[in-house]
PDB file of all heavy atoms in Angstrom:
ATOM      1  N   VAL A   1      75.857 141.982 114.474  1.00  0.00           N
ATOM      2  CA  VAL A   1      76.936 141.088 114.917  1.00  0.00           C
ATOM      3  C   VAL A   1      77.221 140.077 113.809  1.00  0.00           C
ATOM      4  O   VAL A   1      76.389 139.833 112.931  1.00  0.00           O
ATOM      5  CB  VAL A   1      76.559 140.352 116.218  1.00  0.00           C
ATOM      6  CG1 VAL A   1      76.251 141.345 117.325  1.00  0.00           C
ATOM      7  CG2 VAL A   1      75.382 139.401 116.008  1.00  0.00           C
ATOM      8  N   PRO A   2      78.421 139.478 113.823  1.00  0.00           N
ATOM      9  CA  PRO A   2      78.770 138.515 112.773  1.00  0.00           C
ATOM     10  C   PRO A   2      77.822 137.305 112.777  1.00  0.00           C
ATOM     11  O   PRO A   2      77.412 136.817 113.836  1.00  0.00           O
ATOM     12  CB  PRO A   2      80.193 138.087 113.144  1.00  0.00           C
ATOM     13  CG  PRO A   2      80.712 139.165 114.020  1.00  0.00           C
ATOM     14  CD  PRO A   2      79.537 139.706 114.765  1.00  0.00           C
ATOM     15  N   ILE A   3      77.482 136.837 111.580  1.00  0.00           N
ATOM     16  CA  ILE A   3      76.658 135.647 111.412  1.00  0.00           C
ATOM     17  C   ILE A   3      77.471 134.604 110.668  1.00  0.00           C
ATOM     18  O   ILE A   3      78.020 134.884 109.602  1.00  0.00           O
ATOM     19  CB  ILE A   3      75.363 135.949 110.633  1.00  0.00           C
ATOM     20  CG1 ILE A   3      74.501 136.967 111.388  1.00  0.00           C
ATOM     21  CG2 ILE A   3      74.566 134.664 110.395  1.00  0.00           C
ATOM     22  CD1 ILE A   3      73.232 137.347 110.649  1.00  0.00           C
ATOM     23  N   SER A   4      77.565 133.409 111.236  1.00  0.00           N
ATOM     24  CA  SER A   4      78.300 132.311 110.615  1.00  0.00           C
ATOM     25  C   SER A   4      77.321 131.171 110.346  1.00  0.00           C
ATOM     26  O   SER A   4      76.613 130.727 111.255  1.00  0.00           O
ATOM     27  CB  SER A   4      79.428 131.839 111.536  1.00  0.00           C
ATOM     28  OG  SER A   4      80.124 130.758 110.961  1.00  0.00           O
ATOM     29  N   ILE A   5      77.283 130.699 109.100  1.00  0.00           N
ATOM     30  CA  ILE A   5      76.339 129.654 108.696  1.00  0.00           C
ATOM     31  C   ILE A   5      77.119 128.483 108.119  1.00  0.00           C
ATOM     32  O   ILE A   5      78.047 128.674 107.327  1.00  0.00           O
ATOM     33  CB  ILE A   5      75.338 130.185 107.657  1.00  0.00           C
ATOM     34  CG1 ILE A   5      74.589 131.395 108.218  1.00  0.00           C
ATOM     35  CG2 ILE A   5      74.346 129.098 107.236  1.00  0.00           C
ATOM     36  CD1 ILE A   5      73.629 132.049 107.242  1.00  0.00           C
ATOM     37  N   ALA A   6      76.745 127.261 108.528  1.00  0.00           N
ATOM     38  CA  ALA A   6      77.445 126.074 108.037  1.00  0.00           C
ATOM     39  C   ALA A   6      76.493 124.893 108.016  1.00  0.00           C
ATOM     40  O   ALA A   6      75.412 124.920 108.614  1.00  0.00           O
ATOM     41  CB  ALA A   6      78.660 125.760 108.905  1.00  0.00           C
ATOM     42  N   ASN A   7      76.916 123.838 107.343  1.00  0.00           N
ATOM     43  CA  ASN A   7      76.148 122.591 107.300  1.00  0.00           C
ATOM     44  C   ASN A   7      76.051 121.981 108.688  1.00  0.00           C
ATOM     45  O   ASN A   7      77.024 121.979 109.449  1.00  0.00           O
ATOM     46  CB  ASN A   7      76.833 121.623 106.334  1.00  0.00           C
ATOM     47  CG  ASN A   7      76.230 120.242 106.357  1.00  0.00           C
ATOM     48  OD1 ASN A   7      76.739 119.369 107.055  1.00  0.00           O
ATOM     49  ND2 ASN A   7      75.166 120.044 105.620  1.00  0.00           N
ATOM     50  N   GLU A   8      74.878 121.433 109.020  1.00  0.00           N
ATOM     51  CA  GLU A   8      74.663 120.942 110.388  1.00  0.00           C
ATOM     52  C   GLU A   8      75.574 119.766 110.732  1.00  0.00           C
ATOM     53  O   GLU A   8      76.017 119.639 111.870  1.00  0.00           O
ATOM     54  CB  GLU A   8      73.185 120.559 110.589  1.00  0.00           C
ATOM     55  CG  GLU A   8      72.590 119.612 109.562  1.00  0.00           C
ATOM     56  CD  GLU A   8      72.803 118.160 109.898  1.00  0.00           C
ATOM     57  OE1 GLU A   8      72.932 117.841 111.088  1.00  0.00           O
ATOM     58  OE2 GLU A   8      72.834 117.343 108.962  1.00  0.00           O
ATOM     59  N   ALA A   9      75.877 118.884 109.780  1.00  0.00           N
ATOM     60  CA  ALA A   9      76.747 117.751 110.093  1.00  0.00           C
ATOM     61  C   ALA A   9      78.199 118.183 110.222  1.00  0.00           C
ATOM     62  O   ALA A   9      78.948 117.636 111.035  1.00  0.00           O
ATOM     63  CB  ALA A   9      76.604 116.671 109.024  1.00  0.00           C
ATOM     64  N   ALA A  10      78.610 119.182 109.430  1.00  0.00           N
ATOM     65  CA  ALA A  10      79.964 119.721 109.567  1.00  0.00           C
ATOM     66  C   ALA A  10      80.153 120.344 110.946  1.00  0.00           C
ATOM     67  O   ALA A  10      81.227 120.235 111.555  1.00  0.00           O
ATOM     68  CB  ALA A  10      80.230 120.751 108.476  1.00  0.00           C
ATOM     69  N   LEU A  11      79.120 120.987 111.466  1.00  0.00           N
ATOM     70  CA  LEU A  11      79.183 121.536 112.817  1.00  0.00           C
ATOM     71  C   LEU A  11      79.060 120.435 113.861  1.00  0.00           C
ATOM     72  O   LEU A  11      79.631 120.522 114.946  1.00  0.00           O
ATOM     73  CB  LEU A  11      78.074 122.573 113.004  1.00  0.00           C
ATOM     74  CG  LEU A  11      78.202 123.832 112.155  1.00  0.00           C
ATOM     75  CD1 LEU A  11      76.999 124.751 112.352  1.00  0.00           C
ATOM     76  CD2 LEU A  11      79.484 124.587 112.463  1.00  0.00           C
ATOM     77  N   GLY A  12      78.306 119.371 113.529  1.00  0.00           N
ATOM     78  CA  GLY A  12      78.152 118.255 114.456  1.00  0.00           C
ATOM     79  C   GLY A  12      79.475 117.573 114.760  1.00  0.00           C
ATOM     80  O   GLY A  12      79.777 117.259 115.916  1.00  0.00           O
ATOM     81  N   VAL A  13      80.295 117.343 113.722  1.00  0.00           N
ATOM     82  CA  VAL A  13      81.582 116.684 113.968  1.00  0.00           C
ATOM     83  C   VAL A  13      82.497 117.599 114.764  1.00  0.00           C
ATOM     84  O   VAL A  13      83.264 117.149 115.621  1.00  0.00           O
ATOM     85  CB  VAL A  13      82.237 116.251 112.634  1.00  0.00           C
ATOM     86  CG1 VAL A  13      82.762 117.436 111.828  1.00  0.00           C
ATOM     87  CG2 VAL A  13      83.373 115.273 112.904  1.00  0.00           C
ATOM     88  N   LEU A  14      82.405 118.907 114.533  1.00  0.00           N
ATOM     89  CA  LEU A  14      83.207 119.859 115.307  1.00  0.00           C
ATOM     90  C   LEU A  14      82.790 119.835 116.774  1.00  0.00           C
ATOM     91  O   LEU A  14      83.640 119.855 117.684  1.00  0.00           O
ATOM     92  CB  LEU A  14      83.039 121.258 114.728  1.00  0.00           C
ATOM     93  CG  LEU A  14      83.900 122.364 115.318  1.00  0.00           C
ATOM     94  CD1 LEU A  14      85.375 122.070 115.112  1.00  0.00           C
ATOM     95  CD2 LEU A  14      83.537 123.711 114.710  1.00  0.00           C
ATOM     96  N   ALA A  15      81.480 119.763 117.032  1.00  0.00           N
ATOM     97  CA  ALA A  15      80.986 119.713 118.418  1.00  0.00           C
ATOM     98  C   ALA A  15      81.439 118.445 119.128  1.00  0.00           C
ATOM     99  O   ALA A  15      81.849 118.483 120.295  1.00  0.00           O
ATOM    100  CB  ALA A  15      79.461 119.813 118.418  1.00  0.00           C
ATOM    101  N   GLU A  16      81.368 117.307 118.432  1.00  0.00           N
ATOM    102  CA  GLU A  16      81.811 116.055 119.048  1.00  0.00           C
ATOM    103  C   GLU A  16      83.312 116.072 119.317  1.00  0.00           C
ATOM    104  O   GLU A  16      83.789 115.549 120.317  1.00  0.00           O
ATOM    105  CB  GLU A  16      81.452 114.867 118.150  1.00  0.00           C
ATOM    106  CG  GLU A  16      79.958 114.617 117.995  1.00  0.00           C
ATOM    107  CD  GLU A  16      79.292 114.194 119.303  1.00  0.00           C
ATOM    108  OE1 GLU A  16      80.003 113.791 120.261  1.00  0.00           O
ATOM    109  OE2 GLU A  16      78.048 114.261 119.371  1.00  0.00           O
ATOM    110  N   HIS A  17      84.067 116.689 118.412  1.00  0.00           N
ATOM    111  CA  HIS A  17      85.517 116.774 118.582  1.00  0.00           C
ATOM    112  C   HIS A  17      85.885 117.687 119.750  1.00  0.00           C
ATOM    113  O   HIS A  17      86.838 117.411 120.492  1.00  0.00           O
ATOM    114  CB  HIS A  17      86.132 117.307 117.283  1.00  0.00           C
ATOM    115  CG  HIS A  17      87.622 117.426 117.307  1.00  0.00           C
ATOM    116  ND1 HIS A  17      88.459 116.328 117.330  1.00  0.00           N
ATOM    117  CD2 HIS A  17      88.437 118.509 117.324  1.00  0.00           C
ATOM    118  CE1 HIS A  17      89.717 116.733 117.365  1.00  0.00           C
ATOM    119  NE2 HIS A  17      89.734 118.060 117.356  1.00  0.00           N
ATOM    120  N   ARG A  18      85.126 118.768 119.919  1.00  0.00           N
ATOM    121  CA  ARG A  18      85.433 119.735 120.983  1.00  0.00           C
ATOM    122  C   ARG A  18      84.898 119.299 122.342  1.00  0.00           C
ATOM    123  O   ARG A  18      85.587 119.448 123.354  1.00  0.00           O
ATOM    124  CB  ARG A  18      84.815 121.086 120.619  1.00  0.00           C
ATOM    125  CG  ARG A  18      85.465 121.783 119.433  1.00  0.00           C
ATOM    126  CD  ARG A  18      86.608 122.695 119.871  1.00  0.00           C
ATOM    127  NE  ARG A  18      87.247 123.312 118.709  1.00  0.00           N
ATOM    128  CZ  ARG A  18      86.821 124.441 118.162  1.00  0.00           C
ATOM    129  NH1 ARG A  18      85.771 125.070 118.652  1.00  0.00           N
ATOM    130  NH2 ARG A  18      87.457 124.945 117.130  1.00  0.00           N
ATOM    131  N   ARG A  19      83.667 118.755 122.368  1.00  0.00           N
ATOM    132  CA  ARG A  19      83.023 118.549 123.673  1.00  0.00           C
ATOM    133  C   ARG A  19      82.291 117.208 123.815  1.00  0.00           C
ATOM    134  O   ARG A  19      81.680 116.957 124.834  1.00  0.00           O
ATOM    135  CB  ARG A  19      82.002 119.660 123.941  1.00  0.00           C
ATOM    136  CG  ARG A  19      82.596 121.047 123.922  1.00  0.00           C
ATOM    137  CD  ARG A  19      81.649 122.096 124.447  1.00  0.00           C
ATOM    138  NE  ARG A  19      82.217 123.411 124.327  1.00  0.00           N
ATOM    139  CZ  ARG A  19      83.095 123.944 125.194  1.00  0.00           C
ATOM    140  NH1 ARG A  19      83.457 123.254 126.248  1.00  0.00           N
ATOM    141  NH2 ARG A  19      83.576 125.146 124.998  1.00  0.00           N
ATOM    142  N   GLY A  20      82.328 116.363 122.792  1.00  0.00           N
ATOM    143  CA  GLY A  20      81.517 115.158 122.835  1.00  0.00           C
ATOM    144  C   GLY A  20      82.306 113.871 122.808  1.00  0.00           C
ATOM    145  O   GLY A  20      83.374 113.746 123.425  1.00  0.00           O
ATOM    146  N   ALA A  21      81.812 112.906 122.023  1.00  0.00           N
ATOM    147  CA  ALA A  21      82.369 111.556 122.015  1.00  0.00           C
ATOM    148  C   ALA A  21      83.747 111.483 121.376  1.00  0.00           C
ATOM    149  O   ALA A  21      84.453 110.488 121.563  1.00  0.00           O
ATOM    150  CB  ALA A  21      81.408 110.618 121.272  1.00  0.00           C
ATOM    151  N   ALA A  22      84.139 112.505 120.605  1.00  0.00           N
ATOM    152  CA  ALA A  22      85.409 112.449 119.877  1.00  0.00           C
ATOM    153  C   ALA A  22      86.479 113.356 120.467  1.00  0.00           C
ATOM    154  O   ALA A  22      87.445 113.691 119.785  1.00  0.00           O
ATOM    155  CB  ALA A  22      85.189 112.807 118.410  1.00  0.00           C
ATOM    156  N   VAL A  23      86.328 113.755 121.722  1.00  0.00           N
ATOM    157  CA  VAL A  23      87.375 114.565 122.366  1.00  0.00           C
ATOM    158  C   VAL A  23      88.679 113.770 122.394  1.00  0.00           C
ATOM    159  O   VAL A  23      88.713 112.610 122.803  1.00  0.00           O
ATOM    160  CB  VAL A  23      86.959 114.948 123.803  1.00  0.00           C
ATOM    161  CG1 VAL A  23      88.128 115.561 124.560  1.00  0.00           C
ATOM    162  CG2 VAL A  23      85.795 115.920 123.772  1.00  0.00           C
ATOM    163  N   GLY A  24      89.759 114.378 121.912  1.00  0.00           N
ATOM    164  CA  GLY A  24      91.047 113.703 121.902  1.00  0.00           C
ATOM    165  C   GLY A  24      91.279 112.823 120.692  1.00  0.00           C
ATOM    166  O   GLY A  24      92.335 112.200 120.568  1.00  0.00           O
ATOM    167  N   VAL A  25      90.306 112.755 119.776  1.00  0.00           N
ATOM    168  CA  VAL A  25      90.428 111.943 118.560  1.00  0.00           C
ATOM    169  C   VAL A  25      90.558 112.886 117.374  1.00  0.00           C
ATOM    170  O   VAL A  25      89.733 113.776 117.185  1.00  0.00           O
ATOM    171  CB  VAL A  25      89.191 111.025 118.369  1.00  0.00           C
ATOM    172  CG1 VAL A  25      89.340 110.194 117.107  1.00  0.00           C
ATOM    173  CG2 VAL A  25      88.992 110.142 119.589  1.00  0.00           C
ATOM    174  N   ASP A  26      91.581 112.705 116.560  1.00  0.00           N
ATOM    175  CA  ASP A  26      91.849 113.656 115.485  1.00  0.00           C
ATOM    176  C   ASP A  26      91.279 113.244 114.129  1.00  0.00           C
ATOM    177  O   ASP A  26      91.180 114.063 113.222  1.00  0.00           O
ATOM    178  CB  ASP A  26      93.357 113.871 115.342  1.00  0.00           C
ATOM    179  CG  ASP A  26      93.914 114.760 116.444  1.00  0.00           C
ATOM    180  OD1 ASP A  26      93.103 115.482 117.074  1.00  0.00           O
ATOM    181  OD2 ASP A  26      95.124 114.736 116.688  1.00  0.00           O
ATOM    182  N   ASP A  27      90.916 111.984 113.954  1.00  0.00           N
ATOM    183  CA  ASP A  27      90.334 111.520 112.691  1.00  0.00           C
ATOM    184  C   ASP A  27      88.945 110.976 112.991  1.00  0.00           C
ATOM    185  O   ASP A  27      88.798 109.929 113.633  1.00  0.00           O
ATOM    186  CB  ASP A  27      91.209 110.439 112.056  1.00  0.00           C
ATOM    187  CG  ASP A  27      92.601 110.957 111.724  1.00  0.00           C
ATOM    188  OD1 ASP A  27      92.691 111.935 110.972  1.00  0.00           O
ATOM    189  OD2 ASP A  27      93.585 110.389 112.234  1.00  0.00           O
ATOM    190  N   VAL A  28      87.930 111.707 112.537  1.00  0.00           N
ATOM    191  CA  VAL A  28      86.550 111.416 112.941  1.00  0.00           C
ATOM    192  C   VAL A  28      85.624 111.445 111.731  1.00  0.00           C
ATOM    193  O   VAL A  28      85.711 112.341 110.883  1.00  0.00           O
ATOM    194  CB  VAL A  28      86.036 112.460 113.971  1.00  0.00           C
ATOM    195  CG1 VAL A  28      84.652 112.080 114.473  1.00  0.00           C
ATOM    196  CG2 VAL A  28      87.007 112.619 115.112  1.00  0.00           C
ATOM    197  N   LEU A  29      84.746 110.457 111.643  1.00  0.00           N
ATOM    198  CA  LEU A  29      83.635 110.483 110.690  1.00  0.00           C
ATOM    199  C   LEU A  29      82.348 110.560 111.494  1.00  0.00           C
ATOM    200  O   LEU A  29      82.083 109.702 112.329  1.00  0.00           O
ATOM    201  CB  LEU A  29      83.622 109.228 109.813  1.00  0.00           C
ATOM    202  CG  LEU A  29      82.369 109.031 108.939  1.00  0.00           C
ATOM    203  CD1 LEU A  29      82.202 110.180 107.953  1.00  0.00           C
ATOM    204  CD2 LEU A  29      82.421 107.692 108.215  1.00  0.00           C
ATOM    205  N   TYR A  30      81.577 111.590 111.262  1.00  0.00           N
ATOM    206  CA  TYR A  30      80.321 111.830 111.985  1.00  0.00           C
ATOM    207  C   TYR A  30      79.162 111.677 110.999  1.00  0.00           C
ATOM    208  O   TYR A  30      79.185 112.249 109.912  1.00  0.00           O
ATOM    209  CB  TYR A  30      80.354 113.238 112.568  1.00  0.00           C
ATOM    210  CG  TYR A  30      79.037 113.748 113.137  1.00  0.00           C
ATOM    211  CD1 TYR A  30      78.727 113.576 114.480  1.00  0.00           C
ATOM    212  CD2 TYR A  30      78.137 114.434 112.325  1.00  0.00           C
ATOM    213  CE1 TYR A  30      77.535 114.063 115.000  1.00  0.00           C
ATOM    214  CE2 TYR A  30      76.949 114.922 112.840  1.00  0.00           C
ATOM    215  CZ  TYR A  30      76.655 114.729 114.178  1.00  0.00           C
ATOM    216  OH  TYR A  30      75.475 115.219 114.687  1.00  0.00           O
ATOM    217  N   LEU A  31      78.164 110.879 111.360  1.00  0.00           N
ATOM    218  CA  LEU A  31      76.977 110.714 110.522  1.00  0.00           C
ATOM    219  C   LEU A  31      75.758 111.208 111.270  1.00  0.00           C
ATOM    220  O   LEU A  31      75.588 110.926 112.467  1.00  0.00           O
ATOM    221  CB  LEU A  31      76.773 109.243 110.151  1.00  0.00           C
ATOM    222  CG  LEU A  31      77.832 108.594 109.265  1.00  0.00           C
ATOM    223  CD1 LEU A  31      77.510 107.122 109.047  1.00  0.00           C
ATOM    224  CD2 LEU A  31      77.935 109.315 107.928  1.00  0.00           C
ATOM    225  N   SER A  32      74.906 111.942 110.580  1.00  0.00           N
ATOM    226  CA  SER A  32      73.639 112.364 111.166  1.00  0.00           C
ATOM    227  C   SER A  32      72.526 111.948 110.218  1.00  0.00           C
ATOM    228  O   SER A  32      72.659 112.070 109.001  1.00  0.00           O
ATOM    229  CB  SER A  32      73.610 113.886 111.375  1.00  0.00           C
ATOM    230  OG  SER A  32      73.640 114.558 110.133  1.00  0.00           O
ATOM    231  N   GLY A  33      71.474 111.431 110.785  1.00  0.00           N
ATOM    232  CA  GLY A  33      70.386 110.959 109.938  1.00  0.00           C
ATOM    233  C   GLY A  33      69.041 111.316 110.519  1.00  0.00           C
ATOM    234  O   GLY A  33      68.754 111.039 111.677  1.00  0.00           O
ATOM    235  N   GLU A  34      68.236 111.973 109.716  1.00  0.00           N
ATOM    236  CA  GLU A  34      66.854 112.253 110.059  1.00  0.00           C
ATOM    237  C   GLU A  34      66.079 112.041 108.770  1.00  0.00           C
ATOM    238  O   GLU A  34      66.047 110.929 108.255  1.00  0.00           O
ATOM    239  CB  GLU A  34      66.701 113.664 110.629  1.00  0.00           C
ATOM    240  CG  GLU A  34      65.741 113.714 111.815  1.00  0.00           C
ATOM    241  CD  GLU A  34      65.675 115.085 112.453  1.00  0.00           C
ATOM    242  OE1 GLU A  34      65.593 116.078 111.700  1.00  0.00           O
ATOM    243  OE2 GLU A  34      65.688 115.162 113.687  1.00  0.00           O
TER     244      GLU A  34
END
């Protein structure tokens, strides 16, 4: 099956835009820190 690999923060901002704190917001800066 297809495998898609991406940076975790790039996927994090996409997740927040689709289903999280940034739903309905088109300009978003997402920071992740560990």
